[in-house]
Protein backbone atom coordinates (compact mmCIF):
# COMPACT_ATOMS: atom_id res chain seq x y z
CA MET A 1 -2.14 -38.45 -24.54
CA LEU A 2 -4.02 -39.76 -21.50
CA LYS A 3 -0.85 -41.05 -19.83
CA GLN A 4 0.90 -37.72 -20.43
CA PHE A 5 -2.04 -35.77 -18.97
CA LEU A 6 -2.13 -37.94 -15.86
CA PHE A 7 1.59 -37.38 -15.35
CA LEU A 8 1.10 -33.64 -15.32
CA LEU A 9 -1.31 -33.89 -12.41
CA ILE A 10 1.02 -35.93 -10.21
CA PRO A 11 2.98 -33.55 -7.92
CA PHE A 12 6.75 -33.74 -8.30
CA LEU A 13 8.66 -33.55 -5.02
CA SER A 14 12.21 -32.22 -4.87
CA LEU A 15 14.19 -32.23 -1.64
CA SER A 16 17.17 -30.18 -0.53
CA GLN A 17 18.71 -29.45 2.82
CA ASN A 18 17.72 -25.81 2.44
CA TYR A 19 14.32 -26.12 0.76
CA THR A 20 11.59 -28.53 -0.32
CA SER A 21 9.95 -28.14 -3.73
CA TYR A 22 6.55 -29.50 -4.77
CA LYS A 23 5.80 -29.29 -8.49
CA THR A 24 2.43 -29.80 -10.19
CA GLY A 25 1.99 -29.48 -13.95
CA SER A 26 4.47 -29.27 -16.79
CA SER A 27 8.17 -29.75 -16.12
CA THR A 28 8.97 -27.52 -19.11
CA ASP A 29 9.11 -23.75 -18.64
CA LEU A 30 6.54 -21.79 -20.64
CA VAL A 31 7.34 -18.15 -21.36
CA THR A 32 4.27 -15.90 -21.55
CA ASN A 33 3.57 -12.19 -21.26
CA PRO A 34 2.19 -11.61 -17.75
CA ALA A 35 -0.09 -8.63 -17.14
CA GLY A 36 1.41 -7.50 -13.80
CA GLY A 37 -0.37 -6.35 -10.67
CA VAL A 38 -0.50 -7.05 -6.96
CA CYS A 39 -2.99 -9.20 -5.03
CA LEU A 40 -3.32 -8.51 -1.28
CA MET A 41 -5.25 -11.17 0.65
CA GLY A 42 -6.55 -10.60 4.16
CA GLY A 43 -5.35 -13.79 5.77
CA ALA A 44 -8.05 -16.45 6.09
CA THR A 45 -9.36 -18.70 3.29
CA GLU A 46 -8.43 -17.23 -0.08
CA ASP A 47 -11.10 -15.45 -2.07
CA ASP A 48 -11.52 -17.58 -5.21
CA ASN A 49 -12.38 -14.67 -7.49
CA ALA A 50 -9.34 -12.69 -6.41
CA MET A 51 -7.13 -15.73 -6.92
CA ARG A 52 -8.57 -16.22 -10.41
CA TRP A 53 -7.67 -12.57 -11.09
CA PHE A 54 -4.14 -13.39 -9.90
CA LEU A 55 -3.79 -16.50 -12.06
CA GLN A 56 -5.28 -14.91 -15.17
CA ARG A 57 -2.64 -12.18 -15.05
CA ALA A 58 0.04 -14.88 -15.34
CA ASN A 59 -1.38 -15.49 -18.84
CA GLY A 60 -1.04 -19.27 -18.69
CA GLY A 61 2.52 -19.22 -17.35
CA ASP A 62 4.27 -20.73 -14.34
CA ILE A 63 3.27 -20.01 -10.73
CA VAL A 64 5.75 -20.10 -7.84
CA VAL A 65 4.48 -20.21 -4.26
CA LEU A 66 7.07 -19.20 -1.67
CA ARG A 67 6.75 -20.42 1.90
CA ALA A 68 8.89 -20.55 5.01
CA SER A 69 6.78 -23.35 6.52
CA GLY A 70 4.01 -25.74 5.47
CA SER A 71 3.83 -27.89 2.35
CA ASP A 72 1.99 -28.12 -0.99
CA GLY A 73 -1.52 -27.00 -0.02
CA TYR A 74 -1.68 -24.45 -2.85
CA ASN A 75 -0.72 -26.74 -5.73
CA THR A 76 -4.03 -28.44 -6.47
CA TYR A 77 -6.01 -25.32 -5.58
CA LEU A 78 -4.14 -23.11 -8.06
CA TYR A 79 -3.57 -25.72 -10.76
CA THR A 80 -6.98 -27.44 -10.81
CA THR A 81 -9.65 -26.13 -8.46
CA LEU A 82 -9.92 -22.59 -9.83
CA ASN A 83 -10.24 -23.74 -13.45
CA SER A 84 -7.64 -21.21 -14.61
CA SER A 85 -5.22 -22.59 -17.16
CA VAL A 86 -1.60 -22.33 -15.99
CA ASN A 87 1.50 -24.22 -17.12
CA SER A 88 2.64 -25.26 -13.65
CA VAL A 89 2.44 -24.53 -9.94
CA GLU A 90 5.55 -25.03 -7.82
CA THR A 91 5.64 -24.53 -4.08
CA ILE A 92 9.09 -23.92 -2.64
CA VAL A 93 9.31 -24.18 1.14
CA CYS A 94 12.50 -22.42 2.28
CA HIS A 95 13.85 -23.98 5.48
CA THR A 96 16.91 -21.75 5.90
CA ALA A 97 18.27 -18.44 4.65
CA ALA A 98 20.61 -20.41 2.38
CA ALA A 99 17.61 -21.23 0.16
CA SER A 100 17.50 -17.58 -0.92
CA HIS A 101 20.96 -18.09 -2.47
CA ASP A 102 20.25 -21.47 -4.06
CA ALA A 103 20.66 -21.59 -7.87
CA TYR A 104 17.56 -23.77 -8.35
CA VAL A 105 15.32 -21.42 -6.35
CA ILE A 106 16.62 -18.37 -8.21
CA GLN A 107 16.09 -20.13 -11.56
CA LYS A 108 12.45 -20.85 -10.71
CA ILE A 109 11.85 -17.22 -9.77
CA ASN A 110 13.46 -16.13 -13.05
CA GLN A 111 11.07 -18.40 -14.95
CA ALA A 112 7.88 -17.50 -13.06
CA GLU A 113 5.03 -15.38 -14.40
CA ALA A 114 3.43 -15.16 -10.95
CA ILE A 115 4.82 -15.29 -7.40
CA TRP A 116 2.64 -15.90 -4.34
CA PHE A 117 3.74 -15.57 -0.69
CA ALA A 118 1.83 -17.83 1.67
CA GLY A 119 1.01 -17.02 5.28
CA GLY A 120 3.07 -17.81 8.33
CA ASP A 121 5.48 -15.50 10.13
CA GLN A 122 6.59 -12.47 8.14
CA TRP A 123 9.87 -12.30 10.05
CA ASP A 124 10.78 -15.63 8.41
CA TYR A 125 10.37 -14.00 5.00
CA VAL A 126 12.15 -10.80 6.00
CA SER A 127 15.08 -12.47 7.77
CA GLN A 128 15.61 -15.15 5.10
CA PHE A 129 14.86 -13.28 1.88
CA ARG A 130 15.68 -9.61 2.36
CA ASN A 131 18.98 -8.39 0.83
CA SER A 132 19.49 -11.72 -0.94
CA PRO A 133 19.76 -12.97 -4.53
CA LEU A 134 16.18 -14.20 -4.13
CA SER A 135 14.78 -10.73 -3.36
CA ILE A 136 16.81 -9.30 -6.26
CA ALA A 137 15.33 -11.91 -8.59
CA ILE A 138 11.79 -11.18 -7.35
CA ASN A 139 12.18 -7.44 -7.85
CA ASN A 140 13.66 -7.96 -11.30
CA ALA A 141 10.67 -10.13 -12.14
CA ILE A 142 8.32 -7.34 -11.02
CA THR A 143 10.08 -4.42 -12.70
CA GLN A 144 11.51 -6.07 -15.83
CA ARG A 145 9.12 -8.90 -16.70
CA ASN A 146 5.88 -7.46 -15.29
CA ILE A 147 4.95 -10.56 -13.32
CA VAL A 148 1.96 -10.55 -10.99
CA ILE A 149 2.78 -10.87 -7.28
CA GLY A 150 0.69 -11.36 -4.17
CA GLY A 151 0.37 -12.83 -0.73
CA THR A 152 -1.91 -13.60 2.16
CA SER A 153 -1.54 -12.86 5.88
CA ALA A 154 2.24 -12.62 6.42
CA GLY A 155 2.62 -12.66 2.66
CA MET A 156 0.48 -9.54 2.36
CA ALA A 157 2.14 -7.86 5.33
CA ILE A 158 5.51 -7.66 3.52
CA MET A 159 4.20 -6.14 0.27
CA GLY A 160 4.54 -2.44 1.13
CA GLU A 161 7.62 -0.21 1.13
CA TYR A 162 7.04 0.00 4.91
CA TYR A 163 6.18 -3.20 6.76
CA PHE A 164 5.68 -4.61 10.22
CA SER A 165 8.45 -7.20 10.34
CA ALA A 166 7.28 -9.03 13.52
CA GLN A 167 10.93 -9.49 14.45
CA ASN A 168 10.01 -9.57 18.13
CA GLY A 169 6.62 -11.19 17.70
CA THR A 170 3.21 -9.70 17.05
CA ILE A 171 1.68 -6.67 18.75
CA THR A 172 -1.90 -5.82 19.66
CA SER A 173 -3.70 -2.55 19.05
CA THR A 174 -3.86 -1.90 22.80
CA THR A 175 -0.09 -2.25 23.24
CA ALA A 176 0.74 -0.23 20.14
CA LEU A 177 -1.62 2.60 21.06
CA ASN A 178 -0.28 2.87 24.58
CA ASN A 179 3.36 2.78 23.45
CA PRO A 180 4.04 3.31 19.73
CA TYR A 181 7.72 2.53 20.44
CA ALA A 182 7.14 -0.78 22.21
CA SER A 183 9.90 -3.34 21.61
CA ASN A 184 7.65 -5.50 19.44
CA ALA A 185 6.49 -2.58 17.27
CA THR A 186 9.16 -3.47 14.72
CA ILE A 187 8.51 -1.35 11.63
CA SER A 188 11.00 -1.23 8.77
CA ASN A 189 11.48 0.30 5.36
CA THR A 190 14.74 -1.44 4.56
CA ALA A 191 14.40 -2.26 0.85
CA PHE A 192 12.63 -5.57 0.30
CA LEU A 193 9.84 -5.79 -2.34
CA ASN A 194 9.49 -3.15 -5.02
CA ASN A 195 5.78 -2.72 -5.75
CA ILE A 196 5.35 0.68 -7.37
CA HIS A 197 1.81 1.34 -6.15
CA LEU A 198 2.78 0.41 -2.58
CA GLN A 199 5.56 2.95 -2.20
CA GLN A 200 5.25 4.97 1.03
CA THR A 201 2.56 2.45 2.02
CA ILE A 202 2.21 -0.13 4.78
CA THR A 203 -0.21 -3.07 4.70
CA ASP A 204 -2.01 -5.03 7.41
CA THR A 205 -4.18 -8.15 7.51
CA HIS A 206 -6.68 -10.03 9.71
CA PHE A 207 -8.27 -6.64 10.21
CA ASP A 208 -11.50 -7.95 11.69
CA SER A 209 -10.09 -10.68 13.93
CA PRO A 210 -8.51 -9.30 16.02
CA ASP A 211 -9.30 -5.63 15.52
CA ARG A 212 -6.14 -3.98 14.19
CA LYS A 213 -7.33 -0.46 13.42
CA GLY A 214 -5.50 0.92 16.43
CA ARG A 215 -2.18 -0.69 15.67
CA ILE A 216 -2.04 0.46 12.04
CA SER A 217 -2.84 3.97 13.27
CA SER A 218 0.05 3.68 15.72
CA PHE A 219 2.42 2.40 13.02
CA MET A 220 1.53 5.32 10.75
CA ALA A 221 1.91 7.85 13.58
CA ARG A 222 5.34 6.55 14.50
CA ILE A 223 6.59 6.60 10.90
CA TYR A 224 5.27 10.14 10.44
CA THR A 225 6.96 11.24 13.67
CA ASP A 226 10.30 9.59 12.87
CA THR A 227 10.60 10.38 9.17
CA GLY A 228 8.26 13.28 8.44
CA ILE A 229 6.65 11.13 5.72
CA ALA A 230 2.88 10.85 5.76
CA ILE A 231 2.67 7.24 4.60
CA LYS A 232 -0.57 5.54 3.62
CA ALA A 233 -1.96 2.12 4.51
CA ILE A 234 -4.04 -0.64 2.92
CA ALA A 235 -5.68 -3.21 5.18
CA CYS A 236 -8.01 -6.15 4.60
CA ASP A 237 -10.49 -8.14 6.65
CA GLU A 238 -9.72 -11.85 6.75
CA TYR A 239 -11.83 -12.95 3.78
CA THR A 240 -11.19 -9.83 1.67
CA ALA A 241 -8.69 -9.13 -1.10
CA VAL A 242 -7.41 -6.01 -2.83
CA CYS A 243 -6.24 -6.55 -6.41
CA ILE A 244 -4.21 -3.68 -7.88
CA ASN A 245 -3.85 -3.30 -11.64
CA PRO A 246 -0.66 -1.74 -13.03
CA ASN A 247 -2.72 1.39 -13.72
CA GLY A 248 -3.19 1.86 -9.97
CA MET A 249 -6.86 0.88 -9.71
CA ALA A 250 -7.42 -1.25 -6.60
CA ARG A 251 -10.47 -3.53 -6.81
CA VAL A 252 -11.89 -5.17 -3.69
CA TYR A 253 -13.06 -8.79 -3.67
CA GLY A 254 -15.11 -10.48 -0.98
CA ASP A 255 -18.50 -11.97 -0.22
CA HIS A 256 -20.59 -8.88 0.49
CA PRO A 257 -23.56 -8.70 1.07
CA SER A 258 -23.57 -12.26 2.45
CA ASN A 259 -20.61 -11.39 4.69
CA ASP A 260 -19.18 -8.13 6.01
CA ASP A 261 -15.90 -8.17 4.06
CA ASN A 262 -14.01 -4.85 4.01
CA ALA A 263 -10.85 -3.25 2.74
CA TYR A 264 -9.50 0.01 4.16
CA PHE A 265 -7.47 2.72 2.43
CA ILE A 266 -6.00 4.89 5.19
CA GLN A 267 -4.16 8.22 5.06
CA SER A 268 -3.37 11.15 7.32
CA ASN A 269 -5.69 14.10 6.84
CA CYS A 270 -3.94 16.37 4.34
CA GLU A 271 -6.67 18.97 4.79
CA LEU A 272 -5.12 19.83 8.15
CA VAL A 273 -2.47 22.54 8.20
CA ASN A 274 -0.18 20.26 10.22
CA PRO A 275 -1.45 16.67 10.42
CA ARG A 276 1.49 15.27 12.41
CA PRO A 277 0.53 13.35 15.57
CA GLU A 278 0.09 15.64 18.56
CA ASN A 279 1.87 13.22 20.92
CA CYS A 280 3.85 10.22 19.67
CA ALA A 281 6.68 9.31 22.03
CA PRO A 282 8.19 6.25 23.73
CA SER A 283 6.29 4.81 26.70
CA THR A 284 3.50 7.35 26.17
CA PRO A 285 -0.07 6.75 24.97
CA LEU A 286 -0.55 8.00 21.43
CA THR A 287 -2.61 11.08 20.66
CA TRP A 288 -3.43 11.72 17.02
CA ASN A 289 -6.77 13.42 17.22
CA TYR A 290 -7.41 16.81 15.58
CA ASN A 291 -11.05 16.83 16.70
CA GLY A 292 -11.59 13.29 15.50
CA ALA A 293 -10.28 13.91 11.98
CA ALA A 294 -6.60 12.85 12.14
CA LEU A 295 -6.98 10.02 9.63
CA LYS A 296 -9.18 9.76 6.56
CA VAL A 297 -10.27 6.24 5.59
CA TYR A 298 -12.11 4.94 2.55
CA GLN A 299 -13.83 1.69 3.56
CA ILE A 300 -14.97 -0.57 0.73
CA LYS A 301 -17.10 -3.72 0.81
CA GLY A 302 -15.57 -6.59 -1.14
CA THR A 303 -17.85 -8.19 -3.73
CA GLY A 304 -17.65 -11.29 -5.89
CA ASN A 305 -17.03 -9.36 -9.10
CA GLY A 306 -14.63 -6.80 -7.63
CA ALA A 307 -16.80 -3.93 -8.87
CA ASN A 308 -15.89 -1.57 -6.02
CA PHE A 309 -12.55 0.19 -6.36
CA PHE A 310 -10.19 2.89 -5.10
CA ASP A 311 -7.77 4.93 -7.22
CA LEU A 312 -4.23 4.73 -5.84
CA ASN A 313 -3.06 7.41 -8.26
CA ASN A 314 -4.70 10.15 -6.21
CA TRP A 315 -5.97 8.37 -3.06
CA GLN A 316 -9.15 10.43 -3.30
CA THR A 317 -11.59 8.79 -5.71
CA GLY A 318 -13.34 5.46 -5.48
CA SER A 319 -16.60 3.62 -5.96
CA GLY A 320 -18.76 1.59 -3.61
CA GLY A 321 -17.20 2.81 -0.38
CA ASN A 322 -17.73 5.25 2.48
CA TRP A 323 -15.42 7.85 3.99
CA ILE A 324 -14.83 7.51 7.72
CA GLN A 325 -12.48 9.28 10.15
CA TRP A 326 -10.15 7.72 12.69
CA SER A 327 -8.44 9.33 15.63
CA VAL A 328 -6.60 8.42 18.81
CA SER A 329 -6.78 10.28 22.11
CA ASN A 330 -4.48 9.25 24.95
CA GLY A 331 -4.24 5.70 23.64
CA SER A 332 -7.97 5.29 22.88
CA PHE A 333 -8.99 4.64 19.29
CA MET A 334 -12.13 6.28 17.87
CA GLU A 335 -13.92 6.30 14.51
CA GLU A 336 -16.86 8.19 13.04
CA MET A 337 -18.44 8.95 9.71
CA GLY A 338 -16.35 11.29 7.56
CA THR A 339 -16.35 13.37 4.41
CA PRO A 340 -14.40 12.89 1.15
CA ILE A 341 -10.81 14.11 1.25
CA TYR A 342 -9.34 16.70 -1.09
CA CYS A 343 -5.57 16.90 -1.49
CA VAL A 344 -3.32 18.50 -4.07
CA THR A 345 -1.06 15.86 -5.64
CA ALA A 346 2.36 16.26 -7.17
CA SER A 347 1.00 15.19 -10.56
CA ILE A 348 -0.95 18.44 -10.91
CA GLU A 349 0.85 21.04 -13.02
CA ASP A 350 0.45 24.81 -13.31
CA ILE A 351 -2.94 25.46 -14.87
CA ASP A 352 -3.21 29.24 -15.25
CA ASN A 353 -0.72 31.96 -16.12
CA ARG A 354 -2.82 34.73 -14.61
CA LEU A 355 -1.64 33.82 -11.09
CA VAL A 356 1.70 35.62 -10.95
CA LEU A 357 4.53 34.75 -8.57
CA PHE A 358 6.86 37.69 -7.91
CA SER A 359 9.79 35.30 -7.57
CA ASN A 360 10.35 31.57 -8.03
CA PRO A 361 12.34 30.10 -6.26
CA VAL A 362 11.19 31.82 -3.06
CA SER A 363 13.36 32.47 -0.02
CA ASP A 364 11.63 34.39 2.77
CA ILE A 365 8.40 35.93 1.49
CA LEU A 366 6.04 34.37 -1.03
CA GLU A 367 4.40 37.18 -3.02
CA PHE A 368 1.74 36.54 -5.62
CA GLU A 369 -0.95 38.44 -7.43
CA LEU A 370 -4.06 37.60 -9.41
CA LEU A 371 -4.27 39.63 -12.59
CA GLU A 372 -7.32 41.56 -13.70
CA ASP A 373 -10.67 39.85 -14.43
CA LYS A 374 -9.77 36.73 -12.43
CA GLY A 375 -11.59 37.79 -9.28
CA ALA A 376 -10.40 38.42 -5.74
CA ILE A 377 -8.38 35.92 -3.69
CA GLN A 378 -10.42 34.30 -0.91
CA THR A 379 -8.10 31.61 0.45
CA ALA A 380 -4.60 30.40 -0.28
CA TYR A 381 -3.14 27.01 0.60
CA LEU A 382 0.39 25.72 0.33
CA TYR A 383 0.91 21.96 -0.11
CA ASN A 384 4.10 19.92 -0.06
CA LEU A 385 4.90 17.14 -2.54
CA SER A 386 3.10 14.58 -0.38
CA GLY A 387 -0.12 16.56 -0.78
CA THR A 388 -0.03 17.68 2.85
CA LYS A 389 -1.34 21.15 3.58
CA VAL A 390 1.43 23.12 5.31
CA LEU A 391 -0.04 26.62 5.24
CA LYS A 392 -3.49 28.17 5.06
CA LEU A 393 -4.28 31.88 4.80
CA LEU A 394 -7.62 33.63 4.61
CA ASN A 395 -7.95 36.88 2.70
CA LYS A 396 -10.55 38.80 4.65
CA ASP A 397 -10.18 41.92 2.48
CA ASN A 398 -10.60 40.02 -0.82
CA ASP A 399 -7.47 41.61 -2.25
CA ALA A 400 -5.79 40.46 -5.45
CA TYR A 401 -2.31 40.62 -3.87
CA PHE A 402 -0.87 38.41 -1.12
CA LYS A 403 2.34 38.09 0.93
CA ILE A 404 3.08 34.93 2.94
CA PRO A 405 6.18 34.35 5.14
CA VAL A 406 7.70 30.97 4.26
CA SER A 407 11.10 31.14 5.96
CA ASP A 408 10.07 28.44 8.46
CA LEU A 409 9.32 25.89 5.75
CA LYS A 410 11.81 23.31 4.55
CA SER A 411 13.44 23.75 1.17
CA GLY A 412 11.69 21.90 -1.63
CA VAL A 413 8.86 21.87 -4.16
CA TYR A 414 5.41 23.10 -3.14
CA PHE A 415 2.04 23.81 -4.73
CA LEU A 416 0.19 27.08 -4.22
CA SER A 417 -3.57 26.58 -4.49
CA VAL A 418 -5.64 29.77 -4.61
CA THR A 419 -9.42 30.01 -4.39
CA THR A 420 -10.93 33.17 -5.87
CA THR A 421 -14.38 34.59 -6.46
CA ASN A 422 -14.12 33.38 -10.07
CA GLY A 423 -12.44 29.99 -9.70
CA ASP A 424 -9.39 28.09 -8.47
CA TYR A 425 -5.78 28.46 -9.62
CA LEU A 426 -2.63 26.49 -9.00
CA LYS A 427 1.11 27.15 -9.29
CA LYS A 428 4.17 25.01 -8.63
CA LEU A 429 6.98 26.78 -6.76
CA VAL A 430 10.31 26.12 -5.11
CA ILE A 431 11.30 27.29 -1.64
CA ASP A 432 15.07 27.46 -1.21
């Protein structure tokens, strides 16, 4: 038994022209039932508690570390140092794009219960792995086998539906704020990794060194301007991690209060009637201001037990954090203390049949009435499916009947939220 145990701890090295593989642990695949989730690491030394969370969700299975450079630095750390029982750890360093088509590499992904992307240059991952059999295998592992996935630095930067690809090198906050369309502001949403809780989300790392608050604001402004989609963002300081359960709860790990480790959950201010950037154009300094309230941010300190959290199901509720506001004026980034955000989400259904729509779908004029004993209408808001407020109307006469022109709005599904003297009411409607 002793000889067999010693053999398991000796790394196994496999060489190929396209990749190098370093294997520690059992050479026999062990099939387990992984618990899923995503671990986002800020980019410096890994947080041990977050990495234990990652390994535990593999449920004793096999761990694959994907790299585009480097060697086997993770093997002993993941297999032995963290005292989390796993069957094996295999680091695969992909030297060329051909590795993403290699049968051995694909087989190892198909057998993994956990996949970890190391740091480096995210363009190496994007250019070599995207639209390949490897990325298909990874996404199948996420969606069909519920594996846990994660990454640090460049490995975290590629986790969202939107990502900064670094195709033309990195970009500073100063450059991005003064020209959101600079040649090295390479943002993409070409399908890559399919993490359900990171849809319409972009991630960023090394948030405290250097300061990257300005550049993520610029990325979000440009995407909003180009697509009309108010994406969200998750960012981490260097020694901070965000671990997302399949239920959408994001817990923040770090070393607070000994160190100032933070995670940031960033979104455009849906409380504004029109939160689009005021000025986002090529070769022009960005302005996304709205009196200092363009972006709402929930900043959370990372702790050893991951007690502080944010709910990605509604992007409104959390614990252990503070709301702050970000804005940009003529290329200058600003932040100040903020207030909690309130947005209507698409998951909310009609809750009261006493708010009557005269027609649904609606074409030109939205007419609605509050029936008797439900009070007088004070304010009415119209939200789109992204939870963005597109129309606000005050009822100075406190009538029970309202008419709102909607011919300028795009066709689609909306939510009508009405505040009355006796309570709030909500209806789903279609504008055609």
